[in-house]
């Protein structure tokens, strides 16, 4: 699988978790701030649009939205 395919997959996984929990980007910004992660809505929107972000950012987002498990399929 090419890197672009992996990026699309991870972007889809995070977007699916946000949708599953009905969390908007604005709400994600607030929830990230609650755990000490400062980021802006436009920056988060860009990261998710590109699909290029660190594993740390992925884990921060999942923690902020209360995702204890991640479905890979």
PDB file of N, CA and C in Angstrom:
ATOM      1  N   UNK A   1       0.851  -1.177   0.000  1.00  0.00           N
ATOM      2  CA  UNK A   1       0.000   0.000   0.000  1.00  0.00           C
ATOM      3  C   UNK A   1       0.900   1.244   0.000  1.00  0.00           C
ATOM      4  N   UNK A   2       0.581   2.214  -0.827  1.00  0.00           N
ATOM      5  CA  UNK A   2       1.362   3.449  -0.925  1.00  0.00           C
ATOM      6  C   UNK A   2       1.076   4.352   0.275  1.00  0.00           C
ATOM      7  N   UNK A   3       2.014   5.264   0.550  1.00  0.00           N
ATOM      8  CA  UNK A   3       1.843   6.184   1.675  1.00  0.00           C
ATOM      9  C   UNK A   3       0.535   6.955   1.585  1.00  0.00           C
ATOM     10  N   UNK A   4       0.170   7.378   0.384  1.00  0.00           N
ATOM     11  CA  UNK A   4      -1.067   8.147   0.245  1.00  0.00           C
ATOM     12  C   UNK A   4      -2.291   7.315   0.645  1.00  0.00           C
ATOM     13  N   UNK A   5      -2.220   6.027   0.402  1.00  0.00           N
ATOM     14  CA  UNK A   5      -3.318   5.147   0.804  1.00  0.00           C
ATOM     15  C   UNK A   5      -3.379   5.007   2.323  1.00  0.00           C
ATOM     16  N   UNK A   6      -2.212   4.928   2.962  1.00  0.00           N
ATOM     17  CA  UNK A   6      -2.170   4.866   4.423  1.00  0.00           C
ATOM     18  C   UNK A   6      -2.698   6.171   5.022  1.00  0.00           C
ATOM     19  N   UNK A   7      -2.302   7.292   4.422  1.00  0.00           N
ATOM     20  CA  UNK A   7      -2.771   8.592   4.907  1.00  0.00           C
ATOM     21  C   UNK A   7      -4.287   8.690   4.796  1.00  0.00           C
ATOM     22  N   UNK A   8      -4.835   8.231   3.688  1.00  0.00           N
ATOM     23  CA  UNK A   8      -6.287   8.258   3.500  1.00  0.00           C
ATOM     24  C   UNK A   8      -6.980   7.357   4.520  1.00  0.00           C
ATOM     25  N   UNK A   9      -6.351   6.234   4.803  1.00  0.00           N
ATOM     26  CA  UNK A   9      -6.947   5.302   5.764  1.00  0.00           C
ATOM     27  C   UNK A   9      -6.977   5.884   7.167  1.00  0.00           C
ATOM     28  N   UNK A  10      -5.866   6.470   7.609  1.00  0.00           N
ATOM     29  CA  UNK A  10      -5.820   7.014   8.964  1.00  0.00           C
ATOM     30  C   UNK A  10      -6.732   8.235   9.073  1.00  0.00           C
ATOM     31  N   UNK A  11      -6.795   9.044   8.020  1.00  0.00           N
ATOM     32  CA  UNK A  11      -7.705  10.191   8.007  1.00  0.00           C
ATOM     33  C   UNK A  11      -9.143   9.695   8.141  1.00  0.00           C
ATOM     34  N   UNK A  12      -9.479   8.655   7.406  1.00  0.00           N
ATOM     35  CA  UNK A  12     -10.825   8.092   7.471  1.00  0.00           C
ATOM     36  C   UNK A  12     -11.160   7.526   8.835  1.00  0.00           C
ATOM     37  N   UNK A  13     -10.177   6.891   9.460  1.00  0.00           N
ATOM     38  CA  UNK A  13     -10.400   6.335  10.790  1.00  0.00           C
ATOM     39  C   UNK A  13     -10.725   7.424  11.806  1.00  0.00           C
ATOM     40  N   UNK A  14      -9.947   8.494  11.795  1.00  0.00           N
ATOM     41  CA  UNK A  14     -10.179   9.568  12.763  1.00  0.00           C
ATOM     42  C   UNK A  14     -11.500  10.276  12.477  1.00  0.00           C
ATOM     43  N   UNK A  15     -11.774  10.548  11.213  1.00  0.00           N
ATOM     44  CA  UNK A  15     -13.038  11.203  10.860  1.00  0.00           C
ATOM     45  C   UNK A  15     -14.227  10.327  11.259  1.00  0.00           C
ATOM     46  N   UNK A  16     -14.109   9.024  11.075  1.00  0.00           N
ATOM     47  CA  UNK A  16     -15.191   8.109  11.449  1.00  0.00           C
ATOM     48  C   UNK A  16     -15.434   8.139  12.955  1.00  0.00           C
ATOM     49  N   UNK A  17     -14.355   8.173  13.735  1.00  0.00           N
ATOM     50  CA  UNK A  17     -14.509   8.231  15.193  1.00  0.00           C
ATOM     51  C   UNK A  17     -15.160   9.541  15.616  1.00  0.00           C
ATOM     52  N   UNK A  18     -14.802  10.643  14.969  1.00  0.00           N
ATOM     53  CA  UNK A  18     -15.429  11.933  15.285  1.00  0.00           C
ATOM     54  C   UNK A  18     -16.919  11.882  14.938  1.00  0.00           C
ATOM     55  N   UNK A  19     -17.236  11.339  13.789  1.00  0.00           N
ATOM     56  CA  UNK A  19     -18.633  11.257  13.356  1.00  0.00           C
ATOM     57  C   UNK A  19     -19.423  10.328  14.267  1.00  0.00           C
ATOM     58  N   UNK A  20     -18.825   9.195  14.621  1.00  0.00           N
ATOM     59  CA  UNK A  20     -19.486   8.211  15.485  1.00  0.00           C
ATOM     60  C   UNK A  20     -19.887   8.845  16.815  1.00  0.00           C
ATOM     61  N   UNK A  21     -19.077   9.792  17.288  1.00  0.00           N
ATOM     62  CA  UNK A  21     -19.338  10.451  18.571  1.00  0.00           C
ATOM     63  C   UNK A  21     -19.986  11.827  18.398  1.00  0.00           C
ATOM     64  N   UNK A  22     -20.311  12.158  17.136  1.00  0.00           N
ATOM     65  CA  UNK A  22     -20.953  13.435  16.818  1.00  0.00           C
ATOM     66  C   UNK A  22     -20.147  14.623  17.357  1.00  0.00           C
ATOM     67  N   UNK A  23     -18.832  14.599  17.106  1.00  0.00           N
ATOM     68  CA  UNK A  23     -17.924  15.649  17.568  1.00  0.00           C
ATOM     69  C   UNK A  23     -17.472  16.478  16.371  1.00  0.00           C
ATOM     70  N   UNK A  24     -17.747  17.778  16.423  1.00  0.00           N
ATOM     71  CA  UNK A  24     -17.317  18.688  15.356  1.00  0.00           C
ATOM     72  C   UNK A  24     -15.860  19.077  15.569  1.00  0.00           C
ATOM     73  N   UNK A  25     -15.281  19.728  14.571  1.00  0.00           N
ATOM     74  CA  UNK A  25     -13.902  20.198  14.720  1.00  0.00           C
ATOM     75  C   UNK A  25     -13.806  21.222  15.838  1.00  0.00           C
ATOM     76  N   UNK A  26     -14.795  22.102  15.956  1.00  0.00           N
ATOM     77  CA  UNK A  26     -14.796  23.110  17.024  1.00  0.00           C
ATOM     78  C   UNK A  26     -14.845  22.428  18.398  1.00  0.00           C
ATOM     79  N   UNK A  27     -15.658  21.393  18.517  1.00  0.00           N
ATOM     80  CA  UNK A  27     -15.733  20.655  19.777  1.00  0.00           C
ATOM     81  C   UNK A  27     -14.429  19.916  20.050  1.00  0.00           C
ATOM     82  N   UNK A  28     -13.794  19.412  18.999  1.00  0.00           N
ATOM     83  CA  UNK A  28     -12.515  18.730  19.160  1.00  0.00           C
ATOM     84  C   UNK A  28     -11.467  19.693  19.706  1.00  0.00           C
ATOM     85  N   UNK A  29     -11.454  20.918  19.210  1.00  0.00           N
ATOM     86  CA  UNK A  29     -10.523  21.934  19.712  1.00  0.00           C
ATOM     87  C   UNK A  29     -10.718  22.096  21.212  1.00  0.00           C
ATOM     88  N   UNK A  30     -11.982  22.215  21.652  1.00  0.00           N
ATOM     89  CA  UNK A  30     -12.282  22.385  23.076  1.00  0.00           C
ATOM     90  C   UNK A  30     -11.869  21.170  23.890  1.00  0.00           C
ATOM     91  N   UNK A  31     -12.148  19.998  23.372  1.00  0.00           N
ATOM     92  CA  UNK A  31     -11.812  18.772  24.103  1.00  0.00           C
ATOM     93  C   UNK A  31     -10.298  18.559  24.172  1.00  0.00           C
ATOM     94  N   UNK A  32      -9.591  18.922  23.110  1.00  0.00           N
ATOM     95  CA  UNK A  32      -8.136  18.848  23.152  1.00  0.00           C
ATOM     96  C   UNK A  32      -7.588  19.812  24.203  1.00  0.00           C
ATOM     97  N   UNK A  33      -8.162  21.007  24.279  1.00  0.00           N
ATOM     98  CA  UNK A  33      -7.720  22.002  25.264  1.00  0.00           C
ATOM     99  C   UNK A  33      -7.905  21.470  26.681  1.00  0.00           C
ATOM    100  N   UNK A  34      -8.972  20.705  26.899  1.00  0.00           N
ATOM    101  CA  UNK A  34      -9.231  20.127  28.223  1.00  0.00           C
ATOM    102  C   UNK A  34      -8.128  19.174  28.663  1.00  0.00           C
ATOM    103  N   UNK A  35      -7.432  18.569  27.707  1.00  0.00           N
ATOM    104  CA  UNK A  35      -6.330  17.662  28.073  1.00  0.00           C
ATOM    105  C   UNK A  35      -4.973  18.329  27.872  1.00  0.00           C
ATOM    106  N   UNK A  36      -4.990  19.655  27.667  1.00  0.00           N
ATOM    107  CA  UNK A  36      -3.739  20.409  27.586  1.00  0.00           C
ATOM    108  C   UNK A  36      -3.128  20.537  26.208  1.00  0.00           C
ATOM    109  N   UNK A  37      -3.892  20.219  25.170  1.00  0.00           N
ATOM    110  CA  UNK A  37      -3.388  20.310  23.797  1.00  0.00           C
ATOM    111  C   UNK A  37      -4.028  21.528  23.135  1.00  0.00           C
ATOM    112  N   UNK A  38      -3.196  22.512  22.799  1.00  0.00           N
ATOM    113  CA  UNK A  38      -3.700  23.734  22.191  1.00  0.00           C
ATOM    114  C   UNK A  38      -3.511  23.663  20.679  1.00  0.00           C
ATOM    115  N   UNK A  39      -4.611  23.792  19.962  1.00  0.00           N
ATOM    116  CA  UNK A  39      -4.586  23.777  18.504  1.00  0.00           C
ATOM    117  C   UNK A  39      -5.778  24.576  18.023  1.00  0.00           C
ATOM    118  N   UNK A  40      -5.741  25.030  16.788  1.00  0.00           N
ATOM    119  CA  UNK A  40      -6.842  25.828  16.250  1.00  0.00           C
ATOM    120  C   UNK A  40      -7.714  24.969  15.340  1.00  0.00           C
ATOM    121  N   UNK A  41      -8.948  25.384  15.164  1.00  0.00           N
ATOM    122  CA  UNK A  41      -9.848  24.656  14.285  1.00  0.00           C
ATOM    123  C   UNK A  41      -9.335  24.604  12.849  1.00  0.00           C
ATOM    124  N   UNK A  42      -8.851  25.747  12.286  1.00  0.00           N
ATOM    125  CA  UNK A  42      -8.324  25.659  10.913  1.00  0.00           C
ATOM    126  C   UNK A  42      -7.136  24.702  10.786  1.00  0.00           C
ATOM    127  N   UNK A  43      -6.269  24.674  11.798  1.00  0.00           N
ATOM    128  CA  UNK A  43      -5.111  23.780  11.759  1.00  0.00           C
ATOM    129  C   UNK A  43      -5.560  22.319  11.801  1.00  0.00           C
ATOM    130  N   UNK A  44      -6.518  22.015  12.658  1.00  0.00           N
ATOM    131  CA  UNK A  44      -7.028  20.644  12.750  1.00  0.00           C
ATOM    132  C   UNK A  44      -7.718  20.258  11.445  1.00  0.00           C
ATOM    133  N   UNK A  45      -8.505  21.169  10.903  1.00  0.00           N
ATOM    134  CA  UNK A  45      -9.195  20.915   9.639  1.00  0.00           C
ATOM    135  C   UNK A  45      -8.178  20.601   8.535  1.00  0.00           C
ATOM    136  N   UNK A  46      -7.075  21.360   8.497  1.00  0.00           N
ATOM    137  CA  UNK A  46      -6.025  21.128   7.490  1.00  0.00           C
ATOM    138  C   UNK A  46      -5.343  19.781   7.681  1.00  0.00           C
ATOM    139  N   UNK A  47      -5.022  19.452   8.938  1.00  0.00           N
ATOM    140  CA  UNK A  47      -4.370  18.167   9.209  1.00  0.00           C
ATOM    141  C   UNK A  47      -5.245  17.014   8.723  1.00  0.00           C
ATOM    142  N   UNK A  48      -6.531  17.083   9.058  1.00  0.00           N
ATOM    143  CA  UNK A  48      -7.429  15.999   8.672  1.00  0.00           C
ATOM    144  C   UNK A  48      -7.675  15.981   7.174  1.00  0.00           C
ATOM    145  N   UNK A  49      -7.708  17.131   6.568  1.00  0.00           N
ATOM    146  CA  UNK A  49      -7.901  17.210   5.118  1.00  0.00           C
ATOM    147  C   UNK A  49      -6.734  16.567   4.376  1.00  0.00           C
ATOM    148  N   UNK A  50      -5.516  16.863   4.835  1.00  0.00           N
ATOM    149  CA  UNK A  50      -4.324  16.302   4.200  1.00  0.00           C
ATOM    150  C   UNK A  50      -4.111  14.838   4.562  1.00  0.00           C
ATOM    151  N   UNK A  51      -4.548  14.458   5.762  1.00  0.00           N
ATOM    152  CA  UNK A  51      -4.307  13.099   6.230  1.00  0.00           C
ATOM    153  C   UNK A  51      -2.898  12.904   6.734  1.00  0.00           C
ATOM    154  N   UNK A  52      -2.185  14.005   6.932  1.00  0.00           N
ATOM    155  CA  UNK A  52      -0.804  13.926   7.417  1.00  0.00           C
ATOM    156  C   UNK A  52      -0.727  14.520   8.817  1.00  0.00           C
ATOM    157  N   UNK A  53      -0.640  13.624   9.789  1.00  0.00           N
ATOM    158  CA  UNK A  53      -0.470  14.051  11.168  1.00  0.00           C
ATOM    159  C   UNK A  53       0.227  12.931  11.929  1.00  0.00           C
ATOM    160  N   UNK A  54       0.780  13.279  13.066  1.00  0.00           N
ATOM    161  CA  UNK A  54       1.571  12.322  13.830  1.00  0.00           C
ATOM    162  C   UNK A  54       0.677  11.337  14.580  1.00  0.00           C
ATOM    163  N   UNK A  55       1.281  10.254  14.980  1.00  0.00           N
ATOM    164  CA  UNK A  55       0.584   9.289  15.827  1.00  0.00           C
ATOM    165  C   UNK A  55       0.223   9.932  17.157  1.00  0.00           C
ATOM    166  N   UNK A  56       1.056  10.847  17.622  1.00  0.00           N
ATOM    167  CA  UNK A  56       0.777  11.568  18.865  1.00  0.00           C
ATOM    168  C   UNK A  56      -0.528  12.349  18.719  1.00  0.00           C
ATOM    169  N   UNK A  57      -0.684  13.070  17.603  1.00  0.00           N
ATOM    170  CA  UNK A  57      -1.912  13.830  17.369  1.00  0.00           C
ATOM    171  C   UNK A  57      -3.118  12.892  17.315  1.00  0.00           C
ATOM    172  N   UNK A  58      -2.980  11.765  16.646  1.00  0.00           N
ATOM    173  CA  UNK A  58      -4.064  10.790  16.569  1.00  0.00           C
ATOM    174  C   UNK A  58      -4.473  10.340  17.971  1.00  0.00           C
ATOM    175  N   UNK A  59      -3.502   9.982  18.797  1.00  0.00           N
ATOM    176  CA  UNK A  59      -3.808   9.530  20.153  1.00  0.00           C
ATOM    177  C   UNK A  59      -4.401  10.643  20.998  1.00  0.00           C
ATOM    178  N   UNK A  60      -3.922  11.864  20.816  1.00  0.00           N
ATOM    179  CA  UNK A  60      -4.490  13.001  21.552  1.00  0.00           C
ATOM    180  C   UNK A  60      -5.964  13.178  21.191  1.00  0.00           C
ATOM    181  N   UNK A  61      -6.275  13.110  19.909  1.00  0.00           N
ATOM    182  CA  UNK A  61      -7.661  13.253  19.458  1.00  0.00           C
ATOM    183  C   UNK A  61      -8.537  12.137  19.995  1.00  0.00           C
ATOM    184  N   UNK A  62      -8.062  10.912  19.881  1.00  0.00           N
ATOM    185  CA  UNK A  62      -8.844   9.774  20.354  1.00  0.00           C
ATOM    186  C   UNK A  62      -9.089   9.862  21.855  1.00  0.00           C
ATOM    187  N   UNK A  63      -8.074  10.275  22.605  1.00  0.00           N
ATOM    188  CA  UNK A  63      -8.226  10.446  24.048  1.00  0.00           C
ATOM    189  C   UNK A  63      -9.224  11.556  24.350  1.00  0.00           C
ATOM    190  N   UNK A  64      -9.102  12.669  23.637  1.00  0.00           N
ATOM    191  CA  UNK A  64      -9.972  13.822  23.869  1.00  0.00           C
ATOM    192  C   UNK A  64     -11.444  13.506  23.619  1.00  0.00           C
ATOM    193  N   UNK A  65     -11.723  12.628  22.655  1.00  0.00           N
ATOM    194  CA  UNK A  65     -13.120  12.306  22.349  1.00  0.00           C
ATOM    195  C   UNK A  65     -13.612  11.067  23.099  1.00  0.00           C
ATOM    196  N   UNK A  66     -12.743  10.484  23.920  1.00  0.00           N
ATOM    197  CA  UNK A  66     -13.133   9.345  24.738  1.00  0.00           C
ATOM    198  C   UNK A  66     -13.166   8.016  24.016  1.00  0.00           C
ATOM    199  N   UNK A  67     -12.385   7.909  22.958  1.00  0.00           N
ATOM    200  CA  UNK A  67     -12.322   6.646  22.212  1.00  0.00           C
ATOM    201  C   UNK A  67     -11.304   5.732  22.881  1.00  0.00           C
ATOM    202  N   UNK A  68     -11.804   4.659  23.486  1.00  0.00           N
ATOM    203  CA  UNK A  68     -10.925   3.719  24.176  1.00  0.00           C
ATOM    204  C   UNK A  68     -10.449   2.609  23.257  1.00  0.00           C
ATOM    205  N   UNK A  69     -11.157   2.420  22.152  1.00  0.00           N
ATOM    206  CA  UNK A  69     -10.780   1.412  21.177  1.00  0.00           C
ATOM    207  C   UNK A  69     -10.856   2.045  19.788  1.00  0.00           C
ATOM    208  N   UNK A  70     -10.180   1.436  18.840  1.00  0.00           N
ATOM    209  CA  UNK A  70     -10.181   1.940  17.467  1.00  0.00           C
ATOM    210  C   UNK A  70     -10.425   0.769  16.532  1.00  0.00           C
ATOM    211  N   UNK A  71     -11.467   0.894  15.711  1.00  0.00           N
ATOM    212  CA  UNK A  71     -11.764  -0.146  14.716  1.00  0.00           C
ATOM    213  C   UNK A  71     -10.953   0.126  13.471  1.00  0.00           C
ATOM    214  N   UNK A  72     -10.198  -0.840  13.028  1.00  0.00           N
ATOM    215  CA  UNK A  72      -9.340  -0.678  11.863  1.00  0.00           C
ATOM    216  C   UNK A  72      -9.993  -1.146  10.572  1.00  0.00           C
ATOM    217  N   UNK A  73     -11.213  -1.621  10.640  1.00  0.00           N
ATOM    218  CA  UNK A  73     -11.880  -2.075   9.420  1.00  0.00           C
ATOM    219  C   UNK A  73     -13.054  -1.194   9.053  1.00  0.00           C
TER     220      UNK A  73
END
